[in-house]
Amino acid sequence: MKIKLFCSAGMSTSLLVTKMQNVAKERGLDVEIAASPEATIVKETEACDVALMGQQVRFMLANAKEICEPKGVPIDVISMQDYGLMKGDKVLDQALRLAEKG
């Protein structure tokens, strides 16, 4: 499974990606997680299973859904609390739930 996190420059989510990867490894999950700037959402969602957006770009959710839904890629905004506290386990769980809903 490929999970993409989008934020303004792709940098603020790097720590969160690392925390999510550590949780996935602990759980024995085969996932690929990466962060990208929101400007690359069209290209970066071509080969991913689920996408999450950081709080700083949440205003772009409607536009992102227009890009992702035709591709069958579920997308949502990471909760403010989980993002702010860098809760890798909670954000990974959110991504997995989204992927299940498809």
PDB file of N, CA and C in Angstrom:
ATOM      1  N   MET A   1       0.842  -1.171   0.000  1.00  0.00           N
ATOM      2  CA  MET A   1       0.000   0.000   0.000  1.00  0.00           C
ATOM      3  C   MET A   1       0.891   1.238   0.000  1.00  0.00           C
ATOM      4  N   LYS A   2       0.496   2.216  -0.802  1.00  0.00           N
ATOM      5  CA  LYS A   2       1.231   3.475  -0.883  1.00  0.00           C
ATOM      6  C   LYS A   2       0.372   4.604  -0.322  1.00  0.00           C
ATOM      7  N   ILE A   3       0.942   5.307   0.644  1.00  0.00           N
ATOM      8  CA  ILE A   3       0.263   6.416   1.302  1.00  0.00           C
ATOM      9  C   ILE A   3       1.055   7.690   1.020  1.00  0.00           C
ATOM     10  N   LYS A   4       0.351   8.721   0.576  1.00  0.00           N
ATOM     11  CA  LYS A   4       0.989  10.020   0.313  1.00  0.00           C
ATOM     12  C   LYS A   4       0.421  11.057   1.269  1.00  0.00           C
ATOM     13  N   LEU A   5       1.301  11.847   1.855  1.00  0.00           N
ATOM     14  CA  LEU A   5       0.909  12.975   2.688  1.00  0.00           C
ATOM     15  C   LEU A   5       1.286  14.245   1.948  1.00  0.00           C
ATOM     16  N   PHE A   6       0.364  15.181   1.906  1.00  0.00           N
ATOM     17  CA  PHE A   6       0.592  16.444   1.200  1.00  0.00           C
ATOM     18  C   PHE A   6       0.527  17.618   2.169  1.00  0.00           C
ATOM     19  N   CYS A   7       1.463  18.534   2.013  1.00  0.00           N
ATOM     20  CA  CYS A   7       1.471  19.767   2.796  1.00  0.00           C
ATOM     21  C   CYS A   7       1.968  20.888   1.891  1.00  0.00           C
ATOM     22  N   SER A   8       2.227  22.065   2.459  1.00  0.00           N
ATOM     23  CA  SER A   8       2.591  23.176   1.583  1.00  0.00           C
ATOM     24  C   SER A   8       3.887  22.959   0.828  1.00  0.00           C
ATOM     25  N   ALA A   9       4.911  22.451   1.478  1.00  0.00           N
ATOM     26  CA  ALA A   9       6.177  22.258   0.776  1.00  0.00           C
ATOM     27  C   ALA A   9       6.670  20.821   0.834  1.00  0.00           C
ATOM     28  N   GLY A  10       5.941  19.957   1.526  1.00  0.00           N
ATOM     29  CA  GLY A  10       6.366  18.570   1.640  1.00  0.00           C
ATOM     30  C   GLY A  10       7.382  18.353   2.747  1.00  0.00           C
ATOM     31  N   MET A  11       7.674  19.398   3.513  1.00  0.00           N
ATOM     32  CA  MET A  11       8.701  19.297   4.545  1.00  0.00           C
ATOM     33  C   MET A  11       8.107  19.075   5.932  1.00  0.00           C
ATOM     34  N   SER A  12       7.019  19.741   6.249  1.00  0.00           N
ATOM     35  CA  SER A  12       6.485  19.656   7.613  1.00  0.00           C
ATOM     36  C   SER A  12       5.948  18.267   7.938  1.00  0.00           C
ATOM     37  N   THR A  13       5.661  17.481   6.934  1.00  0.00           N
ATOM     38  CA  THR A  13       5.142  16.137   7.184  1.00  0.00           C
ATOM     39  C   THR A  13       6.248  15.082   7.254  1.00  0.00           C
ATOM     40  N   SER A  14       7.485  15.462   7.035  1.00  0.00           N
ATOM     41  CA  SER A  14       8.580  14.494   7.034  1.00  0.00           C
ATOM     42  C   SER A  14       8.714  13.753   8.356  1.00  0.00           C
ATOM     43  N   LEU A  15       8.622  14.464   9.457  1.00  0.00           N
ATOM     44  CA  LEU A  15       8.712  13.821  10.769  1.00  0.00           C
ATOM     45  C   LEU A  15       7.529  12.880  10.973  1.00  0.00           C
ATOM     46  N   LEU A  16       6.355  13.316  10.553  1.00  0.00           N
ATOM     47  CA  LEU A  16       5.161  12.478  10.680  1.00  0.00           C
ATOM     48  C   LEU A  16       5.303  11.207   9.840  1.00  0.00           C
ATOM     49  N   VAL A  17       5.846  11.329   8.653  1.00  0.00           N
ATOM     50  CA  VAL A  17       6.081  10.167   7.792  1.00  0.00           C
ATOM     51  C   VAL A  17       6.992   9.168   8.501  1.00  0.00           C
ATOM     52  N   THR A  18       8.065   9.652   9.103  1.00  0.00           N
ATOM     53  CA  THR A  18       8.995   8.777   9.817  1.00  0.00           C
ATOM     54  C   THR A  18       8.290   8.052  10.958  1.00  0.00           C
ATOM     55  N   LYS A  19       7.477   8.781  11.702  1.00  0.00           N
ATOM     56  CA  LYS A  19       6.740   8.160  12.812  1.00  0.00           C
ATOM     57  C   LYS A  19       5.752   7.113  12.295  1.00  0.00           C
ATOM     58  N   MET A  20       5.090   7.404  11.199  1.00  0.00           N
ATOM     59  CA  MET A  20       4.149   6.439  10.601  1.00  0.00           C
ATOM     60  C   MET A  20       4.895   5.193  10.120  1.00  0.00           C
ATOM     61  N   GLN A  21       6.054   5.391   9.499  1.00  0.00           N
ATOM     62  CA  GLN A  21       6.849   4.259   9.015  1.00  0.00           C
ATOM     63  C   GLN A  21       7.289   3.362  10.168  1.00  0.00           C
ATOM     64  N   ASN A  22       7.680   3.980  11.281  1.00  0.00           N
ATOM     65  CA  ASN A  22       8.086   3.205  12.453  1.00  0.00           C
ATOM     66  C   ASN A  22       6.930   2.368  12.997  1.00  0.00           C
ATOM     67  N   VAL A  23       5.741   2.953  13.056  1.00  0.00           N
ATOM     68  CA  VAL A  23       4.560   2.229  13.533  1.00  0.00           C
ATOM     69  C   VAL A  23       4.231   1.088  12.576  1.00  0.00           C
ATOM     70  N   ALA A  24       4.275   1.361  11.291  1.00  0.00           N
ATOM     71  CA  ALA A  24       3.984   0.327  10.289  1.00  0.00           C
ATOM     72  C   ALA A  24       4.964  -0.837  10.419  1.00  0.00           C
ATOM     73  N   LYS A  25       6.225  -0.517  10.635  1.00  0.00           N
ATOM     74  CA  LYS A  25       7.252  -1.556  10.789  1.00  0.00           C
ATOM     75  C   LYS A  25       6.974  -2.394  12.036  1.00  0.00           C
ATOM     76  N   GLU A  26       6.634  -1.726  13.150  1.00  0.00           N
ATOM     77  CA  GLU A  26       6.300  -2.427  14.393  1.00  0.00           C
ATOM     78  C   GLU A  26       5.117  -3.368  14.195  1.00  0.00           C
ATOM     79  N   ARG A  27       4.173  -2.952  13.373  1.00  0.00           N
ATOM     80  CA  ARG A  27       2.967  -3.752  13.126  1.00  0.00           C
ATOM     81  C   ARG A  27       3.163  -4.788  12.021  1.00  0.00           C
ATOM     82  N   GLY A  28       4.305  -4.757  11.377  1.00  0.00           N
ATOM     83  CA  GLY A  28       4.569  -5.697  10.293  1.00  0.00           C
ATOM     84  C   GLY A  28       3.763  -5.415   9.034  1.00  0.00           C
ATOM     85  N   LEU A  29       3.434  -4.152   8.803  1.00  0.00           N
ATOM     86  CA  LEU A  29       2.644  -3.757   7.633  1.00  0.00           C
ATOM     87  C   LEU A  29       3.558  -3.418   6.463  1.00  0.00           C
ATOM     88  N   ASP A  30       3.140  -3.815   5.283  1.00  0.00           N
ATOM     89  CA  ASP A  30       3.894  -3.523   4.068  1.00  0.00           C
ATOM     90  C   ASP A  30       3.313  -2.257   3.442  1.00  0.00           C
ATOM     91  N   VAL A  31       3.799  -1.103   3.900  1.00  0.00           N
ATOM     92  CA  VAL A  31       3.316   0.178   3.387  1.00  0.00           C
ATOM     93  C   VAL A  31       4.491   1.053   2.993  1.00  0.00           C
ATOM     94  N   GLU A  32       4.225   1.881   2.014  1.00  0.00           N
ATOM     95  CA  GLU A  32       5.196   2.875   1.557  1.00  0.00           C
ATOM     96  C   GLU A  32       4.561   4.228   1.846  1.00  0.00           C
ATOM     97  N   ILE A  33       5.250   5.058   2.616  1.00  0.00           N
ATOM     98  CA  ILE A  33       4.696   6.353   3.024  1.00  0.00           C
ATOM     99  C   ILE A  33       5.677   7.451   2.621  1.00  0.00           C
ATOM    100  N   ALA A  34       5.152   8.495   1.992  1.00  0.00           N
ATOM    101  CA  ALA A  34       6.004   9.598   1.559  1.00  0.00           C
ATOM    102  C   ALA A  34       5.245  10.915   1.659  1.00  0.00           C
ATOM    103  N   ALA A  35       6.002  11.991   1.795  1.00  0.00           N
ATOM    104  CA  ALA A  35       5.433  13.338   1.839  1.00  0.00           C
ATOM    105  C   ALA A  35       5.781  14.076   0.555  1.00  0.00           C
ATOM    106  N   SER A  36       4.854  14.908   0.109  1.00  0.00           N
ATOM    107  CA  SER A  36       5.052  15.703  -1.104  1.00  0.00           C
ATOM    108  C   SER A  36       4.380  17.057  -0.941  1.00  0.00           C
ATOM    109  N   PRO A  37       4.837  18.056  -1.684  1.00  0.00           N
ATOM    110  CA  PRO A  37       4.147  19.344  -1.677  1.00  0.00           C
ATOM    111  C   PRO A  37       2.789  19.213  -2.368  1.00  0.00           C
ATOM    112  N   GLU A  38       1.827  19.981  -1.908  1.00  0.00           N
ATOM    113  CA  GLU A  38       0.475  19.899  -2.479  1.00  0.00           C
ATOM    114  C   GLU A  38       0.458  20.230  -3.966  1.00  0.00           C
ATOM    115  N   ALA A  39       1.410  20.976  -4.437  1.00  0.00           N
ATOM    116  CA  ALA A  39       1.456  21.337  -5.859  1.00  0.00           C
ATOM    117  C   ALA A  39       1.681  20.116  -6.759  1.00  0.00           C
ATOM    118  N   THR A  40       2.109  19.000  -6.172  1.00  0.00           N
ATOM    119  CA  THR A  40       2.386  17.791  -6.964  1.00  0.00           C
ATOM    120  C   THR A  40       1.269  16.755  -6.862  1.00  0.00           C
ATOM    121  N   ILE A  41       0.144  17.140  -6.326  1.00  0.00           N
ATOM    122  CA  ILE A  41      -0.922  16.175  -6.047  1.00  0.00           C
ATOM    123  C   ILE A  41      -1.416  15.447  -7.307  1.00  0.00           C
ATOM    124  N   VAL A  42      -1.478  16.129  -8.430  1.00  0.00           N
ATOM    125  CA  VAL A  42      -1.950  15.479  -9.660  1.00  0.00           C
ATOM    126  C   VAL A  42      -1.033  14.312 -10.025  1.00  0.00           C
ATOM    127  N   LYS A  43       0.258  14.571 -10.058  1.00  0.00           N
ATOM    128  CA  LYS A  43       1.232  13.538 -10.428  1.00  0.00           C
ATOM    129  C   LYS A  43       1.383  12.474  -9.344  1.00  0.00           C
ATOM    130  N   GLU A  44       1.499  12.904  -8.088  1.00  0.00           N
ATOM    131  CA  GLU A  44       1.816  11.996  -6.988  1.00  0.00           C
ATOM    132  C   GLU A  44       0.667  11.063  -6.603  1.00  0.00           C
ATOM    133  N   THR A  45      -0.539  11.343  -7.057  1.00  0.00           N
ATOM    134  CA  THR A  45      -1.654  10.445  -6.733  1.00  0.00           C
ATOM    135  C   THR A  45      -1.915   9.436  -7.843  1.00  0.00           C
ATOM    136  N   GLU A  46      -1.083   9.435  -8.869  1.00  0.00           N
ATOM    137  CA  GLU A  46      -1.232   8.450  -9.948  1.00  0.00           C
ATOM    138  C   GLU A  46      -0.970   7.037  -9.446  1.00  0.00           C
ATOM    139  N   ALA A  47      -0.027   6.891  -8.547  1.00  0.00           N
ATOM    140  CA  ALA A  47       0.359   5.551  -8.090  1.00  0.00           C
ATOM    141  C   ALA A  47       0.303   5.446  -6.567  1.00  0.00           C
ATOM    142  N   CYS A  48      -0.786   5.920  -5.970  1.00  0.00           N
ATOM    143  CA  CYS A  48      -0.916   5.753  -4.524  1.00  0.00           C
ATOM    144  C   CYS A  48      -2.300   5.205  -4.206  1.00  0.00           C
ATOM    145  N   ASP A  49      -2.426   4.656  -3.009  1.00  0.00           N
ATOM    146  CA  ASP A  49      -3.681   4.032  -2.594  1.00  0.00           C
ATOM    147  C   ASP A  49      -4.527   4.933  -1.713  1.00  0.00           C
ATOM    148  N   VAL A  50      -3.887   5.846  -1.017  1.00  0.00           N
ATOM    149  CA  VAL A  50      -4.601   6.769  -0.137  1.00  0.00           C
ATOM    150  C   VAL A  50      -3.763   8.037   0.024  1.00  0.00           C
ATOM    151  N   ALA A  51      -4.448   9.167   0.186  1.00  0.00           N
ATOM    152  CA  ALA A  51      -3.763  10.451   0.337  1.00  0.00           C
ATOM    153  C   ALA A  51      -4.316  11.187   1.547  1.00  0.00           C
ATOM    154  N   LEU A  52      -3.418  11.846   2.256  1.00  0.00           N
ATOM    155  CA  LEU A  52      -3.807  12.659   3.406  1.00  0.00           C
ATOM    156  C   LEU A  52      -3.195  14.042   3.248  1.00  0.00           C
ATOM    157  N   MET A  53      -3.921  15.037   3.740  1.00  0.00           N
ATOM    158  CA  MET A  53      -3.463  16.417   3.632  1.00  0.00           C
ATOM    159  C   MET A  53      -3.171  16.980   5.009  1.00  0.00           C
ATOM    160  N   GLY A  54      -2.080  17.741   5.100  1.00  0.00           N
ATOM    161  CA  GLY A  54      -1.740  18.423   6.337  1.00  0.00           C
ATOM    162  C   GLY A  54      -2.693  19.580   6.594  1.00  0.00           C
ATOM    163  N   GLN A  55      -2.720  20.015   7.831  1.00  0.00           N
ATOM    164  CA  GLN A  55      -3.625  21.084   8.242  1.00  0.00           C
ATOM    165  C   GLN A  55      -3.444  22.374   7.451  1.00  0.00           C
ATOM    166  N   GLN A  56      -2.207  22.702   7.086  1.00  0.00           N
ATOM    167  CA  GLN A  56      -1.959  23.978   6.415  1.00  0.00           C
ATOM    168  C   GLN A  56      -2.528  24.035   5.005  1.00  0.00           C
ATOM    169  N   VAL A  57      -2.931  22.893   4.433  1.00  0.00           N
ATOM    170  CA  VAL A  57      -3.529  22.889   3.095  1.00  0.00           C
ATOM    171  C   VAL A  57      -4.957  22.330   3.107  1.00  0.00           C
ATOM    172  N   ARG A  58      -5.565  22.274   4.276  1.00  0.00           N
ATOM    173  CA  ARG A  58      -6.919  21.703   4.389  1.00  0.00           C
ATOM    174  C   ARG A  58      -7.946  22.457   3.538  1.00  0.00           C
ATOM    175  N   PHE A  59      -7.694  23.735   3.288  1.00  0.00           N
ATOM    176  CA  PHE A  59      -8.607  24.537   2.469  1.00  0.00           C
ATOM    177  C   PHE A  59      -8.679  24.023   1.027  1.00  0.00           C
ATOM    178  N   MET A  60      -7.732  23.171   0.640  1.00  0.00           N
ATOM    179  CA  MET A  60      -7.692  22.644  -0.724  1.00  0.00           C
ATOM    180  C   MET A  60      -8.376  21.283  -0.860  1.00  0.00           C
ATOM    181  N   LEU A  61      -9.056  20.825   0.192  1.00  0.00           N
ATOM    182  CA  LEU A  61      -9.630  19.481   0.182  1.00  0.00           C
ATOM    183  C   LEU A  61     -10.613  19.271  -0.971  1.00  0.00           C
ATOM    184  N   ALA A  62     -11.498  20.220  -1.217  1.00  0.00           N
ATOM    185  CA  ALA A  62     -12.489  20.049  -2.293  1.00  0.00           C
ATOM    186  C   ALA A  62     -11.793  19.867  -3.643  1.00  0.00           C
ATOM    187  N   ASN A  63     -10.795  20.677  -3.913  1.00  0.00           N
ATOM    188  CA  ASN A  63     -10.033  20.565  -5.154  1.00  0.00           C
ATOM    189  C   ASN A  63      -9.294  19.227  -5.218  1.00  0.00           C
ATOM    190  N   ALA A  64      -8.713  18.837  -4.105  1.00  0.00           N
ATOM    191  CA  ALA A  64      -7.980  17.567  -4.050  1.00  0.00           C
ATOM    192  C   ALA A  64      -8.913  16.385  -4.305  1.00  0.00           C
ATOM    193  N   LYS A  65     -10.123  16.460  -3.796  1.00  0.00           N
ATOM    194  CA  LYS A  65     -11.093  15.378  -4.032  1.00  0.00           C
ATOM    195  C   LYS A  65     -11.432  15.274  -5.521  1.00  0.00           C
ATOM    196  N   GLU A  66     -11.536  16.410  -6.188  1.00  0.00           N
ATOM    197  CA  GLU A  66     -11.814  16.392  -7.631  1.00  0.00           C
ATOM    198  C   GLU A  66     -10.696  15.703  -8.405  1.00  0.00           C
ATOM    199  N   ILE A  67      -9.483  15.813  -7.901  1.00  0.00           N
ATOM    200  CA  ILE A  67      -8.326  15.164  -8.537  1.00  0.00           C
ATOM    201  C   ILE A  67      -8.272  13.685  -8.183  1.00  0.00           C
ATOM    202  N   CYS A  68      -8.500  13.373  -6.916  1.00  0.00           N
ATOM    203  CA  CYS A  68      -8.300  12.009  -6.417  1.00  0.00           C
ATOM    204  C   CYS A  68      -9.466  11.055  -6.669  1.00  0.00           C
ATOM    205  N   GLU A  69     -10.685  11.523  -6.520  1.00  0.00           N
ATOM    206  CA  GLU A  69     -11.830  10.620  -6.627  1.00  0.00           C
ATOM    207  C   GLU A  69     -11.921   9.897  -7.970  1.00  0.00           C
ATOM    208  N   PRO A  70     -11.702  10.569  -9.116  1.00  0.00           N
ATOM    209  CA  PRO A  70     -11.751   9.835 -10.384  1.00  0.00           C
ATOM    210  C   PRO A  70     -10.683   8.739 -10.484  1.00  0.00           C
ATOM    211  N   LYS A  71      -9.618   8.881  -9.716  1.00  0.00           N
ATOM    212  CA  LYS A  71      -8.539   7.891  -9.709  1.00  0.00           C
ATOM    213  C   LYS A  71      -8.798   6.778  -8.697  1.00  0.00           C
ATOM    214  N   GLY A  72      -9.872   6.925  -7.905  1.00  0.00           N
ATOM    215  CA  GLY A  72     -10.166   5.942  -6.877  1.00  0.00           C
ATOM    216  C   GLY A  72      -9.255   6.050  -5.667  1.00  0.00           C
ATOM    217  N   VAL A  73      -8.678   7.239  -5.467  1.00  0.00           N
ATOM    218  CA  VAL A  73      -7.773   7.459  -4.337  1.00  0.00           C
ATOM    219  C   VAL A  73      -8.528   8.240  -3.256  1.00  0.00           C
ATOM    220  N   PRO A  74      -8.825   7.600  -2.115  1.00  0.00           N
ATOM    221  CA  PRO A  74      -9.493   8.337  -1.045  1.00  0.00           C
ATOM    222  C   PRO A  74      -8.543   9.368  -0.439  1.00  0.00           C
ATOM    223  N   ILE A  75      -9.101  10.514  -0.066  1.00  0.00           N
ATOM    224  CA  ILE A  75      -8.286  11.603   0.496  1.00  0.00           C
ATOM    225  C   ILE A  75      -9.042  12.269   1.626  1.00  0.00           C
ATOM    226  N   ASP A  76      -8.297  12.705   2.629  1.00  0.00           N
ATOM    227  CA  ASP A  76      -8.889  13.416   3.754  1.00  0.00           C
ATOM    228  C   ASP A  76      -7.813  14.283   4.400  1.00  0.00           C
ATOM    229  N   VAL A  77      -8.233  15.105   5.345  1.00  0.00           N
ATOM    230  CA  VAL A  77      -7.310  15.968   6.073  1.00  0.00           C
ATOM    231  C   VAL A  77      -6.950  15.286   7.392  1.00  0.00           C
ATOM    232  N   ILE A  78      -5.686  15.318   7.744  1.00  0.00           N
ATOM    233  CA  ILE A  78      -5.225  14.771   9.014  1.00  0.00           C
ATOM    234  C   ILE A  78      -5.790  15.639  10.135  1.00  0.00           C
ATOM    235  N   SER A  79      -6.272  15.011  11.195  1.00  0.00           N
ATOM    236  CA  SER A  79      -6.851  15.782  12.303  1.00  0.00           C
ATOM    237  C   SER A  79      -5.804  16.737  12.878  1.00  0.00           C
ATOM    238  N   MET A  80      -6.273  17.888  13.302  1.00  0.00           N
ATOM    239  CA  MET A  80      -5.376  18.915  13.816  1.00  0.00           C
ATOM    240  C   MET A  80      -4.577  18.395  15.008  1.00  0.00           C
ATOM    241  N   GLN A  81      -5.232  17.684  15.897  1.00  0.00           N
ATOM    242  CA  GLN A  81      -4.552  17.173  17.089  1.00  0.00           C
ATOM    243  C   GLN A  81      -3.484  16.142  16.714  1.00  0.00           C
ATOM    244  N   ASP A  82      -3.847  15.181  15.859  1.00  0.00           N
ATOM    245  CA  ASP A  82      -2.890  14.144  15.479  1.00  0.00           C
ATOM    246  C   ASP A  82      -1.714  14.732  14.704  1.00  0.00           C
ATOM    247  N   TYR A  83      -1.992  15.725  13.866  1.00  0.00           N
ATOM    248  CA  TYR A  83      -0.933  16.370  13.097  1.00  0.00           C
ATOM    249  C   TYR A  83      -0.010  17.168  14.020  1.00  0.00           C
ATOM    250  N   GLY A  84      -0.613  17.964  14.886  1.00  0.00           N
ATOM    251  CA  GLY A  84       0.161  18.811  15.791  1.00  0.00           C
ATOM    252  C   GLY A  84       1.027  18.022  16.758  1.00  0.00           C
ATOM    253  N   LEU A  85       0.512  16.879  17.213  1.00  0.00           N
ATOM    254  CA  LEU A  85       1.253  16.053  18.167  1.00  0.00           C
ATOM    255  C   LEU A  85       2.076  14.966  17.482  1.00  0.00           C
ATOM    256  N   MET A  86       2.057  14.984  16.138  1.00  0.00           N
ATOM    257  CA  MET A  86       2.822  14.008  15.355  1.00  0.00           C
ATOM    258  C   MET A  86       2.515  12.568  15.779  1.00  0.00           C
ATOM    259  N   LYS A  87       1.238  12.256  15.862  1.00  0.00           N
ATOM    260  CA  LYS A  87       0.772  10.922  16.267  1.00  0.00           C
ATOM    261  C   LYS A  87       0.803   9.985  15.070  1.00  0.00           C
ATOM    262  N   GLY A  88       1.952   9.412  14.797  1.00  0.00           N
ATOM    263  CA  GLY A  88       2.116   8.531  13.655  1.00  0.00           C
ATOM    264  C   GLY A  88       1.160   7.355  13.652  1.00  0.00           C
ATOM    265  N   ASP A  89       0.878   6.794  14.836  1.00  0.00           N
ATOM    266  CA  ASP A  89      -0.042   5.660  14.923  1.00  0.00           C
ATOM    267  C   ASP A  89      -1.460   6.051  14.519  1.00  0.00           C
ATOM    268  N   LYS A  90      -1.916   7.200  14.999  1.00  0.00           N
ATOM    269  CA  LYS A  90      -3.271   7.655  14.693  1.00  0.00           C
ATOM    270  C   LYS A  90      -3.424   8.005  13.215  1.00  0.00           C
ATOM    271  N   VAL A  91      -2.425   8.650  12.652  1.00  0.00           N
ATOM    272  CA  VAL A  91      -2.491   9.046  11.243  1.00  0.00           C
ATOM    273  C   VAL A  91      -2.402   7.809  10.343  1.00  0.00           C
ATOM    274  N   LEU A  92      -1.582   6.841  10.717  1.00  0.00           N
ATOM    275  CA  LEU A  92      -1.527   5.590   9.964  1.00  0.00           C
ATOM    276  C   LEU A  92      -2.879   4.889  10.018  1.00  0.00           C
ATOM    277  N   ASP A  93      -3.489   4.854  11.194  1.00  0.00           N
ATOM    278  CA  ASP A  93      -4.820   4.241  11.324  1.00  0.00           C
ATOM    279  C   ASP A  93      -5.842   4.959  10.448  1.00  0.00           C
ATOM    280  N   GLN A  94      -5.767   6.284  10.392  1.00  0.00           N
ATOM    281  CA  GLN A  94      -6.670   7.057   9.545  1.00  0.00           C
ATOM    282  C   GLN A  94      -6.489   6.660   8.080  1.00  0.00           C
ATOM    283  N   ALA A  95      -5.254   6.544   7.644  1.00  0.00           N
ATOM    284  CA  ALA A  95      -4.969   6.165   6.253  1.00  0.00           C
ATOM    285  C   ALA A  95      -5.488   4.750   5.956  1.00  0.00           C
ATOM    286  N   LEU A  96      -5.301   3.840   6.878  1.00  0.00           N
ATOM    287  CA  LEU A  96      -5.761   2.465   6.675  1.00  0.00           C
ATOM    288  C   LEU A  96      -7.281   2.393   6.607  1.00  0.00           C
ATOM    289  N   ARG A  97      -7.962   3.171   7.465  1.00  0.00           N
ATOM    290  CA  ARG A  97      -9.435   3.228   7.411  1.00  0.00           C
ATOM    291  C   ARG A  97      -9.915   3.771   6.075  1.00  0.00           C
ATOM    292  N   LEU A  98      -9.265   4.827   5.599  1.00  0.00           N
ATOM    293  CA  LEU A  98      -9.632   5.415   4.309  1.00  0.00           C
ATOM    294  C   LEU A  98      -9.445   4.409   3.182  1.00  0.00           C
ATOM    295  N   ALA A  99      -8.353   3.670   3.233  1.00  0.00           N
ATOM    296  CA  ALA A  99      -8.063   2.680   2.187  1.00  0.00           C
ATOM    297  C   ALA A  99      -9.122   1.579   2.178  1.00  0.00           C
ATOM    298  N   GLU A 100      -9.592   1.177   3.359  1.00  0.00           N
ATOM    299  CA  GLU A 100     -10.625   0.140   3.458  1.00  0.00           C
ATOM    300  C   GLU A 100     -11.927   0.604   2.818  1.00  0.00           C
ATOM    301  N   LYS A 101     -12.273   1.879   3.051  1.00  0.00           N
ATOM    302  CA  LYS A 101     -13.494   2.424   2.480  1.00  0.00           C
ATOM    303  C   LYS A 101     -13.388   2.526   0.963  1.00  0.00           C
ATOM    304  N   GLY A 102     -12.145   2.802   0.523  1.00  0.00           N
ATOM    305  CA  GLY A 102     -11.833   2.897  -0.890  1.00  0.00           C
ATOM    306  C   GLY A 102     -12.641   3.890  -1.589  1.00  0.00           C
TER     307      GLY A 102
END
